[in-house]
Protein backbone atom coordinates (compact mmCIF):
# COMPACT_ATOMS: atom_id res chain seq x y z
CA MET A 1 11.90 32.50 87.50
CA LYS A 2 13.80 35.78 87.32
CA GLU A 3 12.88 39.23 88.67
CA TYR A 4 13.83 42.72 87.52
CA MET A 5 12.79 46.21 88.57
CA VAL A 6 11.60 48.24 85.57
CA ASN A 7 10.44 51.79 84.86
CA ILE A 8 7.69 52.29 82.28
CA THR A 9 6.60 55.91 82.48
CA THR A 10 5.12 57.12 79.19
CA ILE A 11 2.48 55.89 76.76
CA GLU A 12 5.22 55.33 74.19
CA ASP A 13 7.19 53.29 76.76
CA VAL A 14 4.14 51.10 77.41
CA LYS A 15 3.61 50.45 73.69
CA LYS A 16 7.28 49.65 73.12
CA PHE A 17 7.52 47.48 76.24
CA VAL A 18 4.41 45.42 75.36
CA SER A 19 5.50 44.89 71.75
CA THR A 20 8.91 43.74 73.05
CA VAL A 21 7.66 41.26 75.67
CA MET A 22 4.99 39.84 73.31
CA ARG A 23 7.81 38.12 71.38
CA PHE A 24 8.46 35.73 74.27
CA ASP A 25 6.45 32.53 74.79
CA PHE A 26 6.69 32.40 78.58
CA ASP A 27 4.52 34.29 81.08
CA ILE A 28 5.73 37.70 82.25
CA ASP A 29 4.04 39.58 85.09
CA LEU A 30 4.38 43.11 86.40
CA ILE A 31 3.84 43.64 90.12
CA SER A 32 2.94 46.95 91.72
CA GLY A 33 2.36 46.66 95.44
CA ARG A 34 -0.15 43.86 95.87
CA TYR A 35 -1.37 43.95 92.26
CA ALA A 36 0.00 41.70 89.54
CA VAL A 37 -0.83 42.20 85.86
CA ASP A 38 0.13 40.48 82.63
CA ALA A 39 3.11 42.36 81.17
CA LYS A 40 1.77 41.61 77.68
CA SER A 41 -1.45 43.53 78.36
CA ILE A 42 -1.51 47.25 77.58
CA MET A 43 -4.71 47.66 79.61
CA GLY A 44 -3.19 45.75 82.51
CA ILE A 45 -0.13 48.00 82.57
CA PHE A 46 -2.27 51.14 82.49
CA SER A 47 -4.16 49.86 85.54
CA VAL A 48 -1.09 50.11 87.81
CA ASP A 49 0.83 53.13 89.13
CA LEU A 50 3.46 53.92 86.49
CA SER A 51 5.05 56.69 88.57
CA LYS A 52 6.89 53.99 90.57
CA SER A 53 9.19 51.18 89.54
CA LEU A 54 7.47 47.87 88.85
CA LYS A 55 8.73 44.38 89.58
CA LEU A 56 8.89 42.25 86.44
CA VAL A 57 8.68 38.49 87.00
CA ALA A 58 9.66 36.27 84.08
CA HIS A 59 8.42 32.70 84.48
CA THR A 60 11.40 30.99 82.83
CA ASP A 61 14.99 30.13 83.65
CA ASP A 62 16.39 31.41 80.35
CA THR A 63 16.10 35.20 80.55
CA ALA A 64 19.23 36.33 78.71
CA GLU A 65 17.35 37.32 75.54
CA LEU A 66 14.57 39.00 77.53
CA GLU A 67 17.07 40.94 79.63
CA GLN A 68 18.77 42.24 76.50
CA ALA A 69 15.43 43.15 74.88
CA ILE A 70 14.15 45.17 77.89
CA ASP A 71 17.50 46.63 78.95
CA GLU A 72 16.33 50.25 78.49
CA PHE A 73 13.50 49.69 81.01
CA ILE A 74 15.55 47.90 83.72
CA VAL A 75 16.40 49.99 86.78
CA LYS A 76 20.16 49.88 87.28
């Protein structure tokens, strides 16, 4: 399991983010406060506060390809 902090602020960002993470077979969650949603669900992402950074939790040990794919969203 690997965690990243990500920013997804616009509707276009949400669409691009979801289409990117859909390519991966493992589960990916976004956590905002005490709420966790499926990162592959557009409706789920719109149900959390996008004005703040979200914690992304990838349920796999091999995250190199994912990290490269979502690099523009990762908070550095």
